[in-house]
Amino acid sequence: MSRSRLLWFSLGFVTSYSVFSHTILKKLMAENFELCSSMERQFRPLEARLSNIESSLPNSSPNTPSAPHQVEG
């Protein structure tokens, strides 16, 4: 009889834990998806503004210097 009670208790505990964890994981995944989509919506206008700024700059590349710098040492 004690084995039967232990079996039913274990089964109930595992079932409750799995339902609880499934609910928590489902909620976390929904929040993660909402956060990602919110970030994408917020960054689209910023990317458009940056693209407009970059296109309005002169054609010279800022990363390449016009004259090579020499280091004396």
Protein backbone atom coordinates (compact mmCIF):
# COMPACT_ATOMS: atom_id res chain seq x y z
CA MET A 1 0.00 0.00 0.00
CA SER A 2 2.85 2.38 0.76
CA ARG A 3 4.38 1.70 -2.65
CA SER A 4 1.08 2.51 -4.30
CA ARG A 5 0.83 5.81 -2.39
CA LEU A 6 4.42 6.67 -3.26
CA LEU A 7 3.76 5.89 -6.91
CA TRP A 8 0.62 8.05 -7.04
CA PHE A 9 2.35 10.86 -5.13
CA SER A 10 5.30 10.75 -7.52
CA LEU A 11 3.02 10.69 -10.54
CA GLY A 12 1.02 13.66 -9.22
CA PHE A 13 4.17 15.57 -8.36
CA VAL A 14 5.71 14.99 -11.80
CA THR A 15 2.47 15.94 -13.55
CA SER A 16 2.10 19.12 -11.52
CA TYR A 17 5.72 20.06 -12.11
CA SER A 18 5.47 19.47 -15.85
CA VAL A 19 2.30 21.56 -16.17
CA PHE A 20 3.85 24.34 -14.08
CA SER A 21 7.11 24.36 -16.03
CA HIS A 22 5.26 24.24 -19.36
CA THR A 23 3.19 27.28 -18.33
CA ILE A 24 6.26 29.21 -17.19
CA LEU A 25 8.25 28.37 -20.32
CA LYS A 26 5.31 29.31 -22.55
CA LYS A 27 5.02 32.68 -20.79
CA LEU A 28 8.78 33.31 -21.04
CA MET A 29 8.83 32.45 -24.74
CA ALA A 30 5.92 34.84 -25.38
CA GLU A 31 7.73 37.62 -23.50
CA ASN A 32 10.94 36.91 -25.41
CA PHE A 33 9.11 37.10 -28.73
CA GLU A 34 7.43 40.36 -27.71
CA LEU A 35 10.76 41.85 -26.66
CA CYS A 36 12.42 40.90 -29.95
CA SER A 37 9.61 42.29 -32.06
CA SER A 38 9.52 45.47 -29.98
CA MET A 39 13.25 45.98 -30.46
CA GLU A 40 12.91 45.45 -34.20
CA ARG A 41 10.09 48.03 -34.39
CA GLN A 42 12.16 50.55 -32.44
CA PHE A 43 15.37 50.05 -34.42
CA ARG A 44 13.82 50.30 -37.90
CA PRO A 45 13.37 54.11 -37.72
CA LEU A 46 16.86 54.48 -36.26
CA GLU A 47 18.35 52.45 -39.08
CA ALA A 48 16.46 54.55 -41.63
CA ARG A 49 17.72 57.77 -40.06
CA LEU A 50 21.29 56.45 -39.99
CA SER A 51 21.02 55.41 -43.61
CA ASN A 52 19.79 58.89 -44.55
CA ILE A 53 22.68 60.49 -42.66
CA GLU A 54 25.22 58.19 -44.29
CA SER A 55 23.83 58.88 -47.75
CA SER A 56 24.05 62.64 -47.18
CA LEU A 57 27.76 62.46 -46.27
CA PRO A 58 30.41 63.08 -48.96
CA ASN A 59 31.65 60.04 -50.85
CA SER A 60 35.06 59.96 -49.13
CA SER A 61 35.40 57.08 -46.74
CA PRO A 62 36.10 58.15 -43.13
CA ASN A 63 38.14 55.02 -42.40
CA THR A 64 40.84 55.66 -45.01
CA PRO A 65 43.19 58.55 -44.23
CA SER A 66 44.06 60.94 -47.02
CA ALA A 67 47.79 60.96 -46.14
CA PRO A 68 49.66 58.06 -44.54
CA HIS A 69 50.87 58.76 -41.02
CA GLN A 70 54.44 57.81 -40.15
CA VAL A 71 55.48 56.98 -36.64
CA GLU A 72 59.01 57.95 -35.66
CA GLY A 73 60.62 55.79 -33.12
